[in-house]
Amino acid sequence: MIAVNPPLQKWEYVAIQETIFPLNPLRITVESEDQSLVNALQGKSVAETLNYMGDRGWELVAVGMGLEKNTQVFYFKRPKQVPS
């Protein structure tokens, strides 16, 4: 009997940098290479952003400090869609 290994899961990733405004810490600005994400998330709260991403199959895998003052970067991944 020959063992057949299933294909490796491939992933896609997105990083969203958010800037917290000192006078309004619940709202964020979004920077991402994906302009549709920027448009969808601009001005949303952190909770709204996390829920939006989760509803679309993205899993939050890390949060890090951004390079600029008052910024954080959220890193998400999800299984890569296989073209049919």
Foldseek 3Di string as FASTA:
>chain_A
DDDDDDDDWDKDKWKWKWAADPVHRQFTQTDTPDVVLRVVRHGHGPVVSVVVCVVVAWDFDDKAADPDPRMIMTMIMGTDDDDD
